[in-house]
PDB file of N, CA and C in Angstrom:
ATOM      1  N   MET A   1     -10.859  -5.001  40.326  1.00  0.00           N
ATOM      2  CA  MET A   1      -9.974  -5.727  39.417  1.00  0.00           C
ATOM      3  C   MET A   1      -9.692  -4.899  38.168  1.00  0.00           C
ATOM      4  N   PHE A   2     -10.721  -4.211  37.668  1.00  0.00           N
ATOM      5  CA  PHE A   2     -10.525  -3.405  36.452  1.00  0.00           C
ATOM      6  C   PHE A   2      -9.513  -2.284  36.691  1.00  0.00           C
ATOM      7  N   THR A   3      -9.573  -1.687  37.880  1.00  0.00           N
ATOM      8  CA  THR A   3      -8.626  -0.621  38.221  1.00  0.00           C
ATOM      9  C   THR A   3      -7.196  -1.145  38.181  1.00  0.00           C
ATOM     10  N   ILE A   4      -6.986  -2.343  38.663  1.00  0.00           N
ATOM     11  CA  ILE A   4      -5.644  -2.946  38.642  1.00  0.00           C
ATOM     12  C   ILE A   4      -5.170  -3.099  37.199  1.00  0.00           C
ATOM     13  N   GLN A   5      -6.063  -3.541  36.308  1.00  0.00           N
ATOM     14  CA  GLN A   5      -5.690  -3.686  34.904  1.00  0.00           C
ATOM     15  C   GLN A   5      -5.260  -2.354  34.307  1.00  0.00           C
ATOM     16  N   ILE A   6      -6.002  -1.300  34.605  1.00  0.00           N
ATOM     17  CA  ILE A   6      -5.663   0.027  34.077  1.00  0.00           C
ATOM     18  C   ILE A   6      -4.289   0.455  34.593  1.00  0.00           C
ATOM     19  N   THR A   7      -4.066   0.255  35.878  1.00  0.00           N
ATOM     20  CA  THR A   7      -2.798   0.653  36.482  1.00  0.00           C
ATOM     21  C   THR A   7      -1.626  -0.066  35.835  1.00  0.00           C
ATOM     22  N   VAL A   8      -1.827  -1.322  35.524  1.00  0.00           N
ATOM     23  CA  VAL A   8      -0.759  -2.100  34.900  1.00  0.00           C
ATOM     24  C   VAL A   8      -0.595  -1.733  33.427  1.00  0.00           C
ATOM     25  N   LEU A   9      -1.693  -1.536  32.727  1.00  0.00           N
ATOM     26  CA  LEU A   9      -1.622  -1.317  31.281  1.00  0.00           C
ATOM     27  C   LEU A   9      -1.197   0.092  30.888  1.00  0.00           C
ATOM     28  N   LEU A  10      -1.566   1.081  31.700  1.00  0.00           N
ATOM     29  CA  LEU A  10      -1.298   2.464  31.318  1.00  0.00           C
ATOM     30  C   LEU A  10       0.189   2.759  31.088  1.00  0.00           C
ATOM     31  N   PRO A  11       1.105   2.293  31.952  1.00  0.00           N
ATOM     32  CA  PRO A  11       2.525   2.547  31.680  1.00  0.00           C
ATOM     33  C   PRO A  11       2.986   1.923  30.363  1.00  0.00           C
ATOM     34  N   ILE A  12       2.434   0.767  30.015  1.00  0.00           N
ATOM     35  CA  ILE A  12       2.811   0.129  28.747  1.00  0.00           C
ATOM     36  C   ILE A  12       2.341   0.992  27.590  1.00  0.00           C
ATOM     37  N   TYR A  13       1.113   1.504  27.686  1.00  0.00           N
ATOM     38  CA  TYR A  13       0.563   2.371  26.653  1.00  0.00           C
ATOM     39  C   TYR A  13       1.435   3.621  26.500  1.00  0.00           C
ATOM     40  N   THR A  14       1.784   4.225  27.624  1.00  0.00           N
ATOM     41  CA  THR A  14       2.609   5.438  27.618  1.00  0.00           C
ATOM     42  C   THR A  14       3.960   5.157  26.979  1.00  0.00           C
ATOM     43  N   MET A  15       4.526   4.000  27.291  1.00  0.00           N
ATOM     44  CA  MET A  15       5.818   3.627  26.713  1.00  0.00           C
ATOM     45  C   MET A  15       5.706   3.521  25.195  1.00  0.00           C
ATOM     46  N   HIS A  16       4.645   2.903  24.702  1.00  0.00           N
ATOM     47  CA  HIS A  16       4.451   2.783  23.254  1.00  0.00           C
ATOM     48  C   HIS A  16       4.327   4.150  22.607  1.00  0.00           C
ATOM     49  N   LEU A  17       3.595   5.042  23.260  1.00  0.00           N
ATOM     50  CA  LEU A  17       3.455   6.390  22.711  1.00  0.00           C
ATOM     51  C   LEU A  17       4.808   7.082  22.626  1.00  0.00           C
ATOM     52  N   ARG A  18       5.635   6.896  23.668  1.00  0.00           N
ATOM     53  CA  ARG A  18       6.963   7.511  23.664  1.00  0.00           C
ATOM     54  C   ARG A  18       7.798   6.969  22.521  1.00  0.00           C
ATOM     55  N   VAL A  19       7.705   5.680  22.278  1.00  0.00           N
ATOM     56  CA  VAL A  19       8.479   5.078  21.184  1.00  0.00           C
ATOM     57  C   VAL A  19       8.125   5.741  19.863  1.00  0.00           C
ATOM     58  N   ILE A  20       6.831   5.944  19.622  1.00  0.00           N
ATOM     59  CA  ILE A  20       6.419   6.601  18.378  1.00  0.00           C
ATOM     60  C   ILE A  20       6.801   8.076  18.403  1.00  0.00           C
ATOM     61  N   LYS A  21       6.594   8.728  19.544  1.00  0.00           N
ATOM     62  CA  LYS A  21       6.830  10.162  19.660  1.00  0.00           C
ATOM     63  C   LYS A  21       8.286  10.512  19.347  1.00  0.00           C
ATOM     64  N   PHE A  22       9.206   9.732  19.840  1.00  0.00           N
ATOM     65  CA  PHE A  22      10.615  10.045  19.646  1.00  0.00           C
ATOM     66  C   PHE A  22      11.190   9.370  18.410  1.00  0.00           C
ATOM     67  N   GLY A  23      10.336   8.710  17.641  1.00  0.00           N
ATOM     68  CA  GLY A  23      10.760   8.145  16.370  1.00  0.00           C
ATOM     69  C   GLY A  23      11.719   6.973  16.496  1.00  0.00           C
ATOM     70  N   LEU A  24      11.698   6.278  17.614  1.00  0.00           N
ATOM     71  CA  LEU A  24      12.596   5.138  17.784  1.00  0.00           C
ATOM     72  C   LEU A  24      12.159   3.983  16.886  1.00  0.00           C
ATOM     73  N   SER A  25      10.869   3.942  16.603  1.00  0.00           N
ATOM     74  CA  SER A  25      10.375   2.913  15.694  1.00  0.00           C
ATOM     75  C   SER A  25       9.253   3.517  14.867  1.00  0.00           C
ATOM     76  N   LYS A  26       9.450   3.582  13.576  1.00  0.00           N
ATOM     77  CA  LYS A  26       8.393   4.118  12.719  1.00  0.00           C
ATOM     78  C   LYS A  26       7.819   3.021  11.825  1.00  0.00           C
ATOM     79  N   SER A  27       8.088   1.780  12.195  1.00  0.00           N
ATOM     80  CA  SER A  27       7.603   0.686  11.352  1.00  0.00           C
ATOM     81  C   SER A  27       6.086   0.599  11.452  1.00  0.00           C
ATOM     82  N   PRO A  28       5.418   0.336  10.328  1.00  0.00           N
ATOM     83  CA  PRO A  28       3.947   0.203  10.337  1.00  0.00           C
ATOM     84  C   PRO A  28       3.484  -0.863  11.316  1.00  0.00           C
ATOM     85  N   ASP A  29       4.302  -1.902  11.492  1.00  0.00           N
ATOM     86  CA  ASP A  29       3.919  -2.986  12.398  1.00  0.00           C
ATOM     87  C   ASP A  29       3.824  -2.480  13.838  1.00  0.00           C
ATOM     88  N   MET A  30       4.791  -1.654  14.228  1.00  0.00           N
ATOM     89  CA  MET A  30       4.783  -1.097  15.584  1.00  0.00           C
ATOM     90  C   MET A  30       3.550  -0.217  15.783  1.00  0.00           C
ATOM     91  N   ILE A  31       3.252   0.610  14.796  1.00  0.00           N
ATOM     92  CA  ILE A  31       2.084   1.496  14.894  1.00  0.00           C
ATOM     93  C   ILE A  31       0.807   0.665  14.984  1.00  0.00           C
ATOM     94  N   LYS A  32       0.729  -0.404  14.211  1.00  0.00           N
ATOM     95  CA  LYS A  32      -0.443  -1.278  14.258  1.00  0.00           C
ATOM     96  C   LYS A  32      -0.577  -1.931  15.639  1.00  0.00           C
ATOM     97  N   GLN A  33       0.537  -2.365  16.211  1.00  0.00           N
ATOM     98  CA  GLN A  33       0.494  -2.981  17.550  1.00  0.00           C
ATOM     99  C   GLN A  33      -0.068  -2.009  18.578  1.00  0.00           C
ATOM    100  N   VAL A  34       0.381  -0.768  18.518  1.00  0.00           N
ATOM    101  CA  VAL A  34      -0.101   0.228  19.477  1.00  0.00           C
ATOM    102  C   VAL A  34      -1.591   0.466  19.267  1.00  0.00           C
ATOM    103  N   GLY A  35      -2.016   0.555  18.011  1.00  0.00           N
ATOM    104  CA  GLY A  35      -3.439   0.729  17.713  1.00  0.00           C
ATOM    105  C   GLY A  35      -4.271  -0.413  18.263  1.00  0.00           C
ATOM    106  N   ASP A  36      -3.794  -1.640  18.058  1.00  0.00           N
ATOM    107  CA  ASP A  36      -4.493  -2.810  18.587  1.00  0.00           C
ATOM    108  C   ASP A  36      -4.556  -2.756  20.106  1.00  0.00           C
ATOM    109  N   PHE A  37      -3.445  -2.355  20.705  1.00  0.00           N
ATOM    110  CA  PHE A  37      -3.363  -2.290  22.162  1.00  0.00           C
ATOM    111  C   PHE A  37      -4.370  -1.281  22.711  1.00  0.00           C
ATOM    112  N   CYS A  38      -4.441  -0.111  22.071  1.00  0.00           N
ATOM    113  CA  CYS A  38      -5.380   0.924  22.519  1.00  0.00           C
ATOM    114  C   CYS A  38      -6.810   0.420  22.451  1.00  0.00           C
ATOM    115  N   THR A  39      -7.126  -0.304  21.394  1.00  0.00           N
ATOM    116  CA  THR A  39      -8.475  -0.832  21.238  1.00  0.00           C
ATOM    117  C   THR A  39      -8.781  -1.791  22.380  1.00  0.00           C
ATOM    118  N   LYS A  40      -7.805  -2.611  22.750  1.00  0.00           N
ATOM    119  CA  LYS A  40      -8.028  -3.615  23.786  1.00  0.00           C
ATOM    120  C   LYS A  40      -8.353  -2.987  25.129  1.00  0.00           C
ATOM    121  N   ILE A  41      -7.765  -1.837  25.429  1.00  0.00           N
ATOM    122  CA  ILE A  41      -8.003  -1.272  26.763  1.00  0.00           C
ATOM    123  C   ILE A  41      -9.130  -0.245  26.747  1.00  0.00           C
ATOM    124  N   GLU A  42      -9.961  -0.287  25.691  1.00  0.00           N
ATOM    125  CA  GLU A  42     -11.154   0.567  25.665  1.00  0.00           C
ATOM    126  C   GLU A  42     -10.803   2.027  25.918  1.00  0.00           C
ATOM    127  N   ILE A  43     -10.128   2.593  24.979  1.00  0.00           N
ATOM    128  CA  ILE A  43      -9.633   3.963  25.121  1.00  0.00           C
ATOM    129  C   ILE A  43     -10.771   4.961  25.320  1.00  0.00           C
ATOM    130  N   SER A  44     -11.984   4.591  24.941  1.00  0.00           N
ATOM    131  CA  SER A  44     -13.114   5.518  25.046  1.00  0.00           C
ATOM    132  C   SER A  44     -13.496   5.807  26.492  1.00  0.00           C
ATOM    133  N   LEU A  45     -12.959   5.055  27.448  1.00  0.00           N
ATOM    134  CA  LEU A  45     -13.293   5.312  28.854  1.00  0.00           C
ATOM    135  C   LEU A  45     -12.796   6.679  29.303  1.00  0.00           C
ATOM    136  N   GLY A  46     -11.807   7.214  28.614  1.00  0.00           N
ATOM    137  CA  GLY A  46     -11.356   8.565  28.924  1.00  0.00           C
ATOM    138  C   GLY A  46     -10.285   8.646  29.996  1.00  0.00           C
ATOM    139  N   PHE A  47      -9.873   7.509  30.580  1.00  0.00           N
ATOM    140  CA  PHE A  47      -8.882   7.618  31.661  1.00  0.00           C
ATOM    141  C   PHE A  47      -7.507   8.000  31.133  1.00  0.00           C
ATOM    142  N   ILE A  48      -7.262   7.746  29.861  1.00  0.00           N
ATOM    143  CA  ILE A  48      -5.951   8.082  29.314  1.00  0.00           C
ATOM    144  C   ILE A  48      -5.757   9.597  29.274  1.00  0.00           C
ATOM    145  N   THR A  49      -6.840  10.347  29.118  1.00  0.00           N
ATOM    146  CA  THR A  49      -6.700  11.803  29.045  1.00  0.00           C
ATOM    147  C   THR A  49      -6.148  12.378  30.345  1.00  0.00           C
ATOM    148  N   ASP A  50      -6.262  11.641  31.447  1.00  0.00           N
ATOM    149  CA  ASP A  50      -5.664  12.120  32.694  1.00  0.00           C
ATOM    150  C   ASP A  50      -4.144  12.163  32.591  1.00  0.00           C
ATOM    151  N   LYS A  51      -3.586  11.232  31.840  1.00  0.00           N
ATOM    152  CA  LYS A  51      -2.136  11.120  31.744  1.00  0.00           C
ATOM    153  C   LYS A  51      -1.585  11.788  30.486  1.00  0.00           C
ATOM    154  N   LEU A  52      -2.450  11.988  29.503  1.00  0.00           N
ATOM    155  CA  LEU A  52      -1.989  12.428  28.188  1.00  0.00           C
ATOM    156  C   LEU A  52      -2.630  13.771  27.861  1.00  0.00           C
ATOM    157  N   ALA A  53      -1.866  14.816  27.987  1.00  0.00           N
ATOM    158  CA  ALA A  53      -2.402  16.136  27.660  1.00  0.00           C
ATOM    159  C   ALA A  53      -2.700  16.182  26.163  1.00  0.00           C
ATOM    160  N   LEU A  54      -3.840  16.750  25.807  1.00  0.00           N
ATOM    161  CA  LEU A  54      -4.208  16.770  24.395  1.00  0.00           C
ATOM    162  C   LEU A  54      -3.578  17.980  23.690  1.00  0.00           C
ATOM    163  N   THR A  55      -2.283  17.972  23.608  1.00  0.00           N
ATOM    164  CA  THR A  55      -1.575  19.012  22.872  1.00  0.00           C
ATOM    165  C   THR A  55      -1.666  18.688  21.388  1.00  0.00           C
ATOM    166  N   ARG A  56      -1.322  19.643  20.553  1.00  0.00           N
ATOM    167  CA  ARG A  56      -1.358  19.412  19.109  1.00  0.00           C
ATOM    168  C   ARG A  56      -0.465  18.222  18.738  1.00  0.00           C
ATOM    169  N   GLN A  57       0.704  18.140  19.353  1.00  0.00           N
ATOM    170  CA  GLN A  57       1.624  17.043  19.031  1.00  0.00           C
ATOM    171  C   GLN A  57       1.027  15.688  19.409  1.00  0.00           C
ATOM    172  N   ASN A  58       0.405  15.620  20.586  1.00  0.00           N
ATOM    173  CA  ASN A  58      -0.192  14.356  20.994  1.00  0.00           C
ATOM    174  C   ASN A  58      -1.360  13.965  20.102  1.00  0.00           C
ATOM    175  N   ILE A  59      -2.126  14.948  19.637  1.00  0.00           N
ATOM    176  CA  ILE A  59      -3.233  14.627  18.732  1.00  0.00           C
ATOM    177  C   ILE A  59      -2.678  14.058  17.420  1.00  0.00           C
ATOM    178  N   GLN A  60      -1.536  14.581  16.957  1.00  0.00           N
ATOM    179  CA  GLN A  60      -0.911  14.019  15.750  1.00  0.00           C
ATOM    180  C   GLN A  60      -0.490  12.573  15.991  1.00  0.00           C
ATOM    181  N   ILE A  61       0.044  12.297  17.189  1.00  0.00           N
ATOM    182  CA  ILE A  61       0.423  10.918  17.520  1.00  0.00           C
ATOM    183  C   ILE A  61      -0.826  10.037  17.524  1.00  0.00           C
ATOM    184  N   LEU A  62      -1.897  10.540  18.143  1.00  0.00           N
ATOM    185  CA  LEU A  62      -3.135   9.765  18.185  1.00  0.00           C
ATOM    186  C   LEU A  62      -3.674   9.507  16.781  1.00  0.00           C
ATOM    187  N   ASP A  63      -3.511  10.472  15.886  1.00  0.00           N
ATOM    188  CA  ASP A  63      -3.929  10.276  14.494  1.00  0.00           C
ATOM    189  C   ASP A  63      -3.268   9.049  13.891  1.00  0.00           C
ATOM    190  N   THR A  64      -2.007   8.854  14.227  1.00  0.00           N
ATOM    191  CA  THR A  64      -1.247   7.741  13.660  1.00  0.00           C
ATOM    192  C   THR A  64      -1.715   6.413  14.233  1.00  0.00           C
ATOM    193  N   VAL A  65      -2.143   6.454  15.495  1.00  0.00           N
ATOM    194  CA  VAL A  65      -2.367   5.217  16.239  1.00  0.00           C
ATOM    195  C   VAL A  65      -3.826   4.786  16.280  1.00  0.00           C
ATOM    196  N   LEU A  66      -4.735   5.754  16.295  1.00  0.00           N
ATOM    197  CA  LEU A  66      -6.136   5.434  16.553  1.00  0.00           C
ATOM    198  C   LEU A  66      -7.012   5.615  15.322  1.00  0.00           C
ATOM    199  N   THR A  67      -8.168   4.981  15.371  1.00  0.00           N
ATOM    200  CA  THR A  67      -9.168   5.239  14.348  1.00  0.00           C
ATOM    201  C   THR A  67      -9.798   6.602  14.642  1.00  0.00           C
ATOM    202  N   HIS A  68     -10.491   7.145  13.667  1.00  0.00           N
ATOM    203  CA  HIS A  68     -11.130   8.450  13.835  1.00  0.00           C
ATOM    204  C   HIS A  68     -12.124   8.424  15.001  1.00  0.00           C
ATOM    205  N   ASP A  69     -12.900   7.355  15.107  1.00  0.00           N
ATOM    206  CA  ASP A  69     -13.892   7.247  16.185  1.00  0.00           C
ATOM    207  C   ASP A  69     -13.246   7.245  17.554  1.00  0.00           C
ATOM    208  N   GLN A  70     -12.156   6.489  17.691  1.00  0.00           N
ATOM    209  CA  GLN A  70     -11.476   6.427  18.989  1.00  0.00           C
ATOM    210  C   GLN A  70     -10.945   7.801  19.379  1.00  0.00           C
ATOM    211  N   LYS A  71     -10.355   8.499  18.412  1.00  0.00           N
ATOM    212  CA  LYS A  71      -9.796   9.819  18.701  1.00  0.00           C
ATOM    213  C   LYS A  71     -10.916  10.797  19.084  1.00  0.00           C
ATOM    214  N   ALA A  72     -12.020  10.748  18.364  1.00  0.00           N
ATOM    215  CA  ALA A  72     -13.153  11.642  18.645  1.00  0.00           C
ATOM    216  C   ALA A  72     -13.678  11.409  20.059  1.00  0.00           C
ATOM    217  N   ARG A  73     -13.722  10.140  20.479  1.00  0.00           N
ATOM    218  CA  ARG A  73     -14.215   9.839  21.830  1.00  0.00           C
ATOM    219  C   ARG A  73     -13.280  10.414  22.895  1.00  0.00           C
ATOM    220  N   ILE A  74     -11.981  10.326  22.670  1.00  0.00           N
ATOM    221  CA  ILE A  74     -11.025  10.883  23.635  1.00  0.00           C
ATOM    222  C   ILE A  74     -11.221  12.387  23.736  1.00  0.00           C
ATOM    223  N   ILE A  75     -11.312  13.040  22.609  1.00  0.00           N
ATOM    224  CA  ILE A  75     -11.423  14.503  22.604  1.00  0.00           C
ATOM    225  C   ILE A  75     -12.737  14.920  23.265  1.00  0.00           C
ATOM    226  N   ARG A  76     -13.818  14.193  22.966  1.00  0.00           N
ATOM    227  CA  ARG A  76     -15.108  14.514  23.591  1.00  0.00           C
ATOM    228  C   ARG A  76     -15.030  14.320  25.108  1.00  0.00           C
ATOM    229  N   SER A  77     -14.452  13.212  25.552  1.00  0.00           N
ATOM    230  CA  SER A  77     -14.407  12.952  26.993  1.00  0.00           C
ATOM    231  C   SER A  77     -13.499  13.966  27.684  1.00  0.00           C
ATOM    232  N   HIS A  78     -12.516  14.466  26.969  1.00  0.00           N
ATOM    233  CA  HIS A  78     -11.595  15.442  27.539  1.00  0.00           C
ATOM    234  C   HIS A  78     -12.278  16.798  27.730  1.00  0.00           C
ATOM    235  N   ARG A  79     -13.221  17.120  26.864  1.00  0.00           N
ATOM    236  CA  ARG A  79     -13.886  18.432  26.909  1.00  0.00           C
ATOM    237  C   ARG A  79     -14.955  18.520  27.986  1.00  0.00           C
ATOM    238  N   LYS A  80     -15.432  17.371  28.469  1.00  0.00           N
ATOM    239  CA  LYS A  80     -16.539  17.376  29.453  1.00  0.00           C
ATOM    240  C   LYS A  80     -16.113  18.030  30.755  1.00  0.00           C
TER     241      LYS A  80
END
């Protein structure tokens, strides 16, 4: 069941990242929604790193969206 949730949620997460990445919405409310969403799907599991290459640009996006702890966990899980 958890795998199904990830499969369904990941495209939504990716879509939100694209919205911020291309500057279609820079409102603080939108950024807060994405941050809340990331927290809900337990970003520390590391499955997002499969879909999201940790390029410098993506890390800047993550800076906007995530807390320092969440970002550190992604980077650590990516390095393993």
